[in-house]
Structures are given as structure tokens and as C-alpha cells.
Amino acid sequence: MTPIALAIACLLAVTLGYAALCAASPFGRCRKCNGLGFQLRHTRRGAPRRGKHCRRCKGHGIRIRAGRWIFNRAAALYRDGTR
């Protein structure tokens, strides 16, 4: 196998794997609050305490994956164009 064909095969495998991940699990944990929905604060003694709601995920702790967001936009564009 040539190096170009091998690179294309690897790229195709990664793309199909990510598409399968987006189809199976469209939401992932929020990267800012690590899926908690709020920031952790610490008291003066060092004990963790619940802080403010996360502004990125609005306190839900999940975010939509980039691939799923692109798929949703493409599906909406197709649906609007075929009405």
C-alpha cells in the first residue's frame, strides 16, 4: 500500500468513527465545568463548594458535539430547501 492510500484510509477511519460517535452520543461533557454544570469553589479551609452556574452550558453540564451541530445544520438546510 502506498503512503498516500494509507493516509486516506486512516483519515476515512477516523472520520467514520467520529460520525458514529456523534450519532450514538450527540452530547458530550462541557469542557469548562467538566460536566458538573457549575464551577467548583473552595472555602478557606480548602473544602470544595458549589459555585456559580456554568455560562457555557447554562448549568446543564453537556454540550452538543461539533459534528452533530454540523449534521443538524445540514439537515435543517436540506429540510428547508425541499419544502
PDB file of N, CA and C in Angstrom:
ATOM      1  N   MET A   1       0.839  -1.172   0.000  1.00  0.00           N
ATOM      2  CA  MET A   1       0.000   0.000   0.000  1.00  0.00           C
ATOM      3  C   MET A   1       0.889   1.242   0.000  1.00  0.00           C
ATOM      4  N   THR A   2       0.517   2.216  -0.792  1.00  0.00           N
ATOM      5  CA  THR A   2       1.312   3.442  -0.841  1.00  0.00           C
ATOM      6  C   THR A   2       1.007   4.300   0.378  1.00  0.00           C
ATOM      7  N   PRO A   3       1.923   5.188   0.723  1.00  0.00           N
ATOM      8  CA  PRO A   3       1.704   6.038   1.901  1.00  0.00           C
ATOM      9  C   PRO A   3       0.467   6.943   1.754  1.00  0.00           C
ATOM     10  N   ILE A   4       0.169   7.389   0.548  1.00  0.00           N
ATOM     11  CA  ILE A   4      -0.992   8.253   0.349  1.00  0.00           C
ATOM     12  C   ILE A   4      -2.280   7.461   0.583  1.00  0.00           C
ATOM     13  N   ALA A   5      -2.331   6.247   0.064  1.00  0.00           N
ATOM     14  CA  ALA A   5      -3.519   5.411   0.257  1.00  0.00           C
ATOM     15  C   ALA A   5      -3.700   5.060   1.736  1.00  0.00           C
ATOM     16  N   LEU A   6      -2.599   4.832   2.418  1.00  0.00           N
ATOM     17  CA  LEU A   6      -2.659   4.538   3.841  1.00  0.00           C
ATOM     18  C   LEU A   6      -3.170   5.749   4.628  1.00  0.00           C
ATOM     19  N   ALA A   7      -2.712   6.932   4.266  1.00  0.00           N
ATOM     20  CA  ALA A   7      -3.161   8.157   4.936  1.00  0.00           C
ATOM     21  C   ALA A   7      -4.653   8.385   4.685  1.00  0.00           C
ATOM     22  N   ILE A   8      -5.105   8.143   3.466  1.00  0.00           N
ATOM     23  CA  ILE A   8      -6.521   8.303   3.140  1.00  0.00           C
ATOM     24  C   ILE A   8      -7.359   7.291   3.915  1.00  0.00           C
ATOM     25  N   ALA A   9      -6.883   6.071   4.020  1.00  0.00           N
ATOM     26  CA  ALA A   9      -7.609   5.038   4.757  1.00  0.00           C
ATOM     27  C   ALA A   9      -7.707   5.396   6.243  1.00  0.00           C
ATOM     28  N   CYS A  10      -6.625   5.896   6.818  1.00  0.00           N
ATOM     29  CA  CYS A  10      -6.637   6.299   8.233  1.00  0.00           C
ATOM     30  C   CYS A  10      -7.580   7.475   8.452  1.00  0.00           C
ATOM     31  N   LEU A  11      -7.546   8.452   7.556  1.00  0.00           N
ATOM     32  CA  LEU A  11      -8.418   9.614   7.652  1.00  0.00           C
ATOM     33  C   LEU A  11      -9.887   9.207   7.532  1.00  0.00           C
ATOM     34  N   LEU A  12     -10.173   8.280   6.640  1.00  0.00           N
ATOM     35  CA  LEU A  12     -11.537   7.779   6.473  1.00  0.00           C
ATOM     36  C   LEU A  12     -12.002   7.032   7.723  1.00  0.00           C
ATOM     37  N   ALA A  13     -11.125   6.248   8.322  1.00  0.00           N
ATOM     38  CA  ALA A  13     -11.481   5.513   9.537  1.00  0.00           C
ATOM     39  C   ALA A  13     -11.774   6.474  10.692  1.00  0.00           C
ATOM     40  N   VAL A  14     -10.966   7.507  10.835  1.00  0.00           N
ATOM     41  CA  VAL A  14     -11.182   8.491  11.903  1.00  0.00           C
ATOM     42  C   VAL A  14     -12.490   9.244  11.673  1.00  0.00           C
ATOM     43  N   THR A  15     -12.761   9.630  10.434  1.00  0.00           N
ATOM     44  CA  THR A  15     -13.981  10.367  10.115  1.00  0.00           C
ATOM     45  C   THR A  15     -15.221   9.519  10.375  1.00  0.00           C
ATOM     46  N   LEU A  16     -15.200   8.269   9.941  1.00  0.00           N
ATOM     47  CA  LEU A  16     -16.344   7.395  10.169  1.00  0.00           C
ATOM     48  C   LEU A  16     -16.531   7.082  11.652  1.00  0.00           C
ATOM     49  N   GLY A  17     -15.431   6.967  12.380  1.00  0.00           N
ATOM     50  CA  GLY A  17     -15.519   6.740  13.823  1.00  0.00           C
ATOM     51  C   GLY A  17     -16.144   7.928  14.541  1.00  0.00           C
ATOM     52  N   TYR A  18     -15.750   9.144  14.150  1.00  0.00           N
ATOM     53  CA  TYR A  18     -16.320  10.339  14.767  1.00  0.00           C
ATOM     54  C   TYR A  18     -17.791  10.492  14.396  1.00  0.00           C
ATOM     55  N   ALA A  19     -18.145  10.152  13.152  1.00  0.00           N
ATOM     56  CA  ALA A  19     -19.551  10.211  12.738  1.00  0.00           C
ATOM     57  C   ALA A  19     -20.385   9.220  13.538  1.00  0.00           C
ATOM     58  N   ALA A  20     -19.852   8.041  13.789  1.00  0.00           N
ATOM     59  CA  ALA A  20     -20.567   7.051  14.598  1.00  0.00           C
ATOM     60  C   ALA A  20     -20.710   7.536  16.043  1.00  0.00           C
ATOM     61  N   LEU A  21     -19.681   8.171  16.577  1.00  0.00           N
ATOM     62  CA  LEU A  21     -19.746   8.714  17.933  1.00  0.00           C
ATOM     63  C   LEU A  21     -20.807   9.799  18.034  1.00  0.00           C
ATOM     64  N   CYS A  22     -20.861  10.688  17.036  1.00  0.00           N
ATOM     65  CA  CYS A  22     -21.854  11.763  17.040  1.00  0.00           C
ATOM     66  C   CYS A  22     -23.269  11.214  16.900  1.00  0.00           C
ATOM     67  N   ALA A  23     -23.434  10.123  16.161  1.00  0.00           N
ATOM     68  CA  ALA A  23     -24.762   9.524  16.005  1.00  0.00           C
ATOM     69  C   ALA A  23     -25.183   8.807  17.286  1.00  0.00           C
ATOM     70  N   ALA A  24     -24.257   8.127  17.929  1.00  0.00           N
ATOM     71  CA  ALA A  24     -24.583   7.363  19.132  1.00  0.00           C
ATOM     72  C   ALA A  24     -24.726   8.258  20.361  1.00  0.00           C
ATOM     73  N   SER A  25     -23.856   9.249  20.481  1.00  0.00           N
ATOM     74  CA  SER A  25     -23.870  10.131  21.642  1.00  0.00           C
ATOM     75  C   SER A  25     -23.695  11.576  21.171  1.00  0.00           C
ATOM     76  N   PRO A  26     -24.800  12.276  20.847  1.00  0.00           N
ATOM     77  CA  PRO A  26     -24.680  13.622  20.279  1.00  0.00           C
ATOM     78  C   PRO A  26     -24.199  14.677  21.272  1.00  0.00           C
ATOM     79  N   PHE A  27     -24.277  14.395  22.549  1.00  0.00           N
ATOM     80  CA  PHE A  27     -23.848  15.362  23.554  1.00  0.00           C
ATOM     81  C   PHE A  27     -22.619  14.862  24.286  1.00  0.00           C
ATOM     82  N   GLY A  28     -21.729  15.790  24.626  1.00  0.00           N
ATOM     83  CA  GLY A  28     -20.547  15.484  25.405  1.00  0.00           C
ATOM     84  C   GLY A  28     -20.524  16.357  26.647  1.00  0.00           C
ATOM     85  N   ARG A  29     -19.590  16.082  27.537  1.00  0.00           N
ATOM     86  CA  ARG A  29     -19.470  16.894  28.743  1.00  0.00           C
ATOM     87  C   ARG A  29     -18.951  18.280  28.383  1.00  0.00           C
ATOM     88  N   CYS A  30     -19.405  19.268  29.119  1.00  0.00           N
ATOM     89  CA  CYS A  30     -18.929  20.629  28.936  1.00  0.00           C
ATOM     90  C   CYS A  30     -17.455  20.684  29.322  1.00  0.00           C
ATOM     91  N   ARG A  31     -16.646  21.331  28.502  1.00  0.00           N
ATOM     92  CA  ARG A  31     -15.216  21.379  28.773  1.00  0.00           C
ATOM     93  C   ARG A  31     -14.847  22.405  29.832  1.00  0.00           C
ATOM     94  N   LYS A  32     -15.703  23.375  30.044  1.00  0.00           N
ATOM     95  CA  LYS A  32     -15.383  24.404  31.025  1.00  0.00           C
ATOM     96  C   LYS A  32     -15.654  23.939  32.462  1.00  0.00           C
ATOM     97  N   CYS A  33     -16.811  23.296  32.676  1.00  0.00           N
ATOM     98  CA  CYS A  33     -17.163  22.871  34.030  1.00  0.00           C
ATOM     99  C   CYS A  33     -16.965  21.373  34.232  1.00  0.00           C
ATOM    100  N   ASN A  34     -16.464  20.685  33.210  1.00  0.00           N
ATOM    101  CA  ASN A  34     -16.186  19.248  33.260  1.00  0.00           C
ATOM    102  C   ASN A  34     -17.450  18.427  33.525  1.00  0.00           C
ATOM    103  N   GLY A  35     -18.582  18.917  33.019  1.00  0.00           N
ATOM    104  CA  GLY A  35     -19.827  18.169  33.133  1.00  0.00           C
ATOM    105  C   GLY A  35     -20.574  18.353  34.432  1.00  0.00           C
ATOM    106  N   LEU A  36     -20.115  19.210  35.309  1.00  0.00           N
ATOM    107  CA  LEU A  36     -20.791  19.421  36.585  1.00  0.00           C
ATOM    108  C   LEU A  36     -21.954  20.409  36.470  1.00  0.00           C
ATOM    109  N   GLY A  37     -21.845  21.375  35.576  1.00  0.00           N
ATOM    110  CA  GLY A  37     -22.874  22.393  35.434  1.00  0.00           C
ATOM    111  C   GLY A  37     -22.599  23.625  36.274  1.00  0.00           C
ATOM    112  N   PHE A  38     -21.531  23.593  37.042  1.00  0.00           N
ATOM    113  CA  PHE A  38     -21.162  24.730  37.882  1.00  0.00           C
ATOM    114  C   PHE A  38     -19.661  24.694  38.120  1.00  0.00           C
ATOM    115  N   GLN A  39     -19.134  25.844  38.510  1.00  0.00           N
ATOM    116  CA  GLN A  39     -17.721  25.908  38.861  1.00  0.00           C
ATOM    117  C   GLN A  39     -17.536  25.470  40.298  1.00  0.00           C
ATOM    118  N   LEU A  40     -16.424  24.830  40.570  1.00  0.00           N
ATOM    119  CA  LEU A  40     -16.121  24.471  41.950  1.00  0.00           C
ATOM    120  C   LEU A  40     -15.389  25.630  42.622  1.00  0.00           C
ATOM    121  N   ARG A  41     -15.860  25.993  43.765  1.00  0.00           N
ATOM    122  CA  ARG A  41     -15.188  26.998  44.594  1.00  0.00           C
ATOM    123  C   ARG A  41     -14.607  26.260  45.796  1.00  0.00           C
ATOM    124  N   HIS A  42     -13.669  26.877  46.447  1.00  0.00           N
ATOM    125  CA  HIS A  42     -13.080  26.271  47.642  1.00  0.00           C
ATOM    126  C   HIS A  42     -13.216  27.242  48.800  1.00  0.00           C
ATOM    127  N   THR A  43     -13.545  26.690  49.953  1.00  0.00           N
ATOM    128  CA  THR A  43     -13.636  27.507  51.154  1.00  0.00           C
ATOM    129  C   THR A  43     -12.226  27.846  51.626  1.00  0.00           C
ATOM    130  N   ARG A  44     -12.143  28.611  52.678  1.00  0.00           N
ATOM    131  CA  ARG A  44     -10.824  28.967  53.208  1.00  0.00           C
ATOM    132  C   ARG A  44     -10.079  27.753  53.734  1.00  0.00           C
ATOM    133  N   ARG A  45     -10.819  26.740  54.145  1.00  0.00           N
ATOM    134  CA  ARG A  45     -10.196  25.515  54.643  1.00  0.00           C
ATOM    135  C   ARG A  45      -9.778  24.587  53.509  1.00  0.00           C
ATOM    136  N   GLY A  46     -10.248  24.898  52.291  1.00  0.00           N
ATOM    137  CA  GLY A  46      -9.878  24.072  51.145  1.00  0.00           C
ATOM    138  C   GLY A  46     -10.922  23.057  50.742  1.00  0.00           C
ATOM    139  N   ALA A  47     -12.072  23.074  51.404  1.00  0.00           N
ATOM    140  CA  ALA A  47     -13.139  22.128  51.058  1.00  0.00           C
ATOM    141  C   ALA A  47     -13.844  22.612  49.787  1.00  0.00           C
ATOM    142  N   PRO A  48     -14.122  21.709  48.856  1.00  0.00           N
ATOM    143  CA  PRO A  48     -14.816  22.129  47.636  1.00  0.00           C
ATOM    144  C   PRO A  48     -16.271  22.509  47.923  1.00  0.00           C
ATOM    145  N   ARG A  49     -16.727  23.524  47.202  1.00  0.00           N
ATOM    146  CA  ARG A  49     -18.081  24.021  47.378  1.00  0.00           C
ATOM    147  C   ARG A  49     -18.660  24.375  46.030  1.00  0.00           C
ATOM    148  N   ARG A  50     -19.956  24.259  45.891  1.00  0.00           N
ATOM    149  CA  ARG A  50     -20.610  24.579  44.625  1.00  0.00           C
ATOM    150  C   ARG A  50     -20.542  26.078  44.378  1.00  0.00           C
ATOM    151  N   GLY A  51     -20.180  26.455  43.153  1.00  0.00           N
ATOM    152  CA  GLY A  51     -20.087  27.863  42.790  1.00  0.00           C
ATOM    153  C   GLY A  51     -21.214  28.268  41.855  1.00  0.00           C
ATOM    154  N   LYS A  52     -20.922  29.209  40.964  1.00  0.00           N
ATOM    155  CA  LYS A  52     -21.907  29.722  40.022  1.00  0.00           C
ATOM    156  C   LYS A  52     -22.220  28.703  38.942  1.00  0.00           C
ATOM    157  N   HIS A  53     -23.377  28.887  38.293  1.00  0.00           N
ATOM    158  CA  HIS A  53     -23.712  28.072  37.127  1.00  0.00           C
ATOM    159  C   HIS A  53     -22.730  28.355  36.011  1.00  0.00           C
ATOM    160  N   CYS A  54     -22.439  27.343  35.229  1.00  0.00           N
ATOM    161  CA  CYS A  54     -21.543  27.497  34.089  1.00  0.00           C
ATOM    162  C   CYS A  54     -22.259  28.290  32.998  1.00  0.00           C
ATOM    163  N   ARG A  55     -21.609  29.332  32.485  1.00  0.00           N
ATOM    164  CA  ARG A  55     -22.236  30.138  31.450  1.00  0.00           C
ATOM    165  C   ARG A  55     -22.196  29.465  30.090  1.00  0.00           C
ATOM    166  N   ARG A  56     -21.230  28.615  29.855  1.00  0.00           N
ATOM    167  CA  ARG A  56     -21.107  27.971  28.545  1.00  0.00           C
ATOM    168  C   ARG A  56     -22.226  26.970  28.308  1.00  0.00           C
ATOM    169  N   CYS A  57     -22.528  26.140  29.303  1.00  0.00           N
ATOM    170  CA  CYS A  57     -23.562  25.110  29.136  1.00  0.00           C
ATOM    171  C   CYS A  57     -24.855  25.474  29.845  1.00  0.00           C
ATOM    172  N   LYS A  58     -24.918  26.653  30.446  1.00  0.00           N
ATOM    173  CA  LYS A  58     -26.096  27.151  31.164  1.00  0.00           C
ATOM    174  C   LYS A  58     -26.519  26.226  32.305  1.00  0.00           C
ATOM    175  N   GLY A  59     -25.558  25.599  32.941  1.00  0.00           N
ATOM    176  CA  GLY A  59     -25.826  24.772  34.109  1.00  0.00           C
ATOM    177  C   GLY A  59     -26.263  23.347  33.805  1.00  0.00           C
ATOM    178  N   HIS A  60     -26.270  22.948  32.533  1.00  0.00           N
ATOM    179  CA  HIS A  60     -26.697  21.597  32.184  1.00  0.00           C
ATOM    180  C   HIS A  60     -25.558  20.582  32.255  1.00  0.00           C
ATOM    181  N   GLY A  61     -24.347  21.035  32.028  1.00  0.00           N
ATOM    182  CA  GLY A  61     -23.196  20.142  32.096  1.00  0.00           C
ATOM    183  C   GLY A  61     -22.908  19.409  30.800  1.00  0.00           C
ATOM    184  N   ILE A  62     -23.712  19.645  29.766  1.00  0.00           N
ATOM    185  CA  ILE A  62     -23.480  18.975  28.484  1.00  0.00           C
ATOM    186  C   ILE A  62     -23.388  20.015  27.374  1.00  0.00           C
ATOM    187  N   ARG A  63     -22.779  19.615  26.283  1.00  0.00           N
ATOM    188  CA  ARG A  63     -22.674  20.462  25.106  1.00  0.00           C
ATOM    189  C   ARG A  63     -22.915  19.586  23.888  1.00  0.00           C
ATOM    190  N   ILE A  64     -23.309  20.186  22.793  1.00  0.00           N
ATOM    191  CA  ILE A  64     -23.512  19.420  21.577  1.00  0.00           C
ATOM    192  C   ILE A  64     -22.164  19.288  20.869  1.00  0.00           C
ATOM    193  N   ARG A  65     -21.886  18.121  20.342  1.00  0.00           N
ATOM    194  CA  ARG A  65     -20.620  17.893  19.649  1.00  0.00           C
ATOM    195  C   ARG A  65     -20.596  18.656  18.333  1.00  0.00           C
ATOM    196  N   ALA A  66     -19.413  19.027  17.877  1.00  0.00           N
ATOM    197  CA  ALA A  66     -19.274  19.818  16.653  1.00  0.00           C
ATOM    198  C   ALA A  66     -19.818  19.066  15.443  1.00  0.00           C
ATOM    199  N   GLY A  67     -19.553  17.791  15.351  1.00  0.00           N
ATOM    200  CA  GLY A  67     -20.043  17.005  14.225  1.00  0.00           C
ATOM    201  C   GLY A  67     -21.559  16.912  14.210  1.00  0.00           C
ATOM    202  N   ARG A  68     -22.165  16.786  15.378  1.00  0.00           N
ATOM    203  CA  ARG A  68     -23.622  16.727  15.454  1.00  0.00           C
ATOM    204  C   ARG A  68     -24.230  18.077  15.117  1.00  0.00           C
ATOM    205  N   TRP A  69     -23.563  19.170  15.523  1.00  0.00           N
ATOM    206  CA  TRP A  69     -24.036  20.514  15.203  1.00  0.00           C
ATOM    207  C   TRP A  69     -24.032  20.724  13.695  1.00  0.00           C
ATOM    208  N   ILE A  70     -22.970  20.292  13.025  1.00  0.00           N
ATOM    209  CA  ILE A  70     -22.886  20.409  11.565  1.00  0.00           C
ATOM    210  C   ILE A  70     -23.969  19.564  10.903  1.00  0.00           C
ATOM    211  N   PHE A  71     -24.183  18.342  11.394  1.00  0.00           N
ATOM    212  CA  PHE A  71     -25.220  17.478  10.837  1.00  0.00           C
ATOM    213  C   PHE A  71     -26.599  18.103  11.004  1.00  0.00           C
ATOM    214  N   ASN A  72     -26.891  18.671  12.173  1.00  0.00           N
ATOM    215  CA  ASN A  72     -28.186  19.299  12.411  1.00  0.00           C
ATOM    216  C   ASN A  72     -28.411  20.477  11.475  1.00  0.00           C
ATOM    217  N   ARG A  73     -27.378  21.295  11.267  1.00  0.00           N
ATOM    218  CA  ARG A  73     -27.494  22.442  10.356  1.00  0.00           C
ATOM    219  C   ARG A  73     -27.713  21.986   8.923  1.00  0.00           C
ATOM    220  N   ALA A  74     -26.990  20.963   8.491  1.00  0.00           N
ATOM    221  CA  ALA A  74     -27.145  20.449   7.130  1.00  0.00           C
ATOM    222  C   ALA A  74     -28.536  19.837   6.936  1.00  0.00           C
ATOM    223  N   ALA A  75     -29.036  19.120   7.934  1.00  0.00           N
ATOM    224  CA  ALA A  75     -30.367  18.516   7.844  1.00  0.00           C
ATOM    225  C   ALA A  75     -31.448  19.594   7.788  1.00  0.00           C
ATOM    226  N   ALA A  76     -31.290  20.657   8.572  1.00  0.00           N
ATOM    227  CA  ALA A  76     -32.266  21.749   8.552  1.00  0.00           C
ATOM    228  C   ALA A  76     -32.241  22.477   7.213  1.00  0.00           C
ATOM    229  N   LEU A  77     -31.052  22.676   6.656  1.00  0.00           N
ATOM    230  CA  LEU A  77     -30.921  23.333   5.356  1.00  0.00           C
ATOM    231  C   LEU A  77     -31.563  22.491   4.268  1.00  0.00           C
ATOM    232  N   TYR A  78     -31.354  21.192   4.302  1.00  0.00           N
ATOM    233  CA  TYR A  78     -31.957  20.287   3.340  1.00  0.00           C
ATOM    234  C   TYR A  78     -33.474  20.266   3.500  1.00  0.00           C
ATOM    235  N   ARG A  79     -33.937  20.213   4.745  1.00  0.00           N
ATOM    236  CA  ARG A  79     -35.369  20.170   5.006  1.00  0.00           C
ATOM    237  C   ARG A  79     -36.047  21.455   4.539  1.00  0.00           C
ATOM    238  N   ASP A  80     -35.407  22.605   4.776  1.00  0.00           N
ATOM    239  CA  ASP A  80     -35.981  23.887   4.348  1.00  0.00           C
ATOM    240  C   ASP A  80     -35.959  24.035   2.820  1.00  0.00           C
ATOM    241  N   GLY A  81     -34.966  23.445   2.191  1.00  0.00           N
ATOM    242  CA  GLY A  81     -34.839  23.570   0.747  1.00  0.00           C
ATOM    243  C   GLY A  81     -35.758  22.644  -0.030  1.00  0.00           C
ATOM    244  N   THR A  82     -36.296  21.610   0.600  1.00  0.00           N
ATOM    245  CA  THR A  82     -37.140  20.651  -0.111  1.00  0.00           C
ATOM    246  C   THR A  82     -38.614  20.789   0.253  1.00  0.00           C
ATOM    247  N   ARG A  83     -38.970  21.873   0.907  1.00  0.00           N
ATOM    248  CA  ARG A  83     -40.390  22.073   1.261  1.00  0.00           C
ATOM    249  C   ARG A  83     -41.179  22.572   0.100  1.00  0.00           C
TER     250      ARG A  83
END
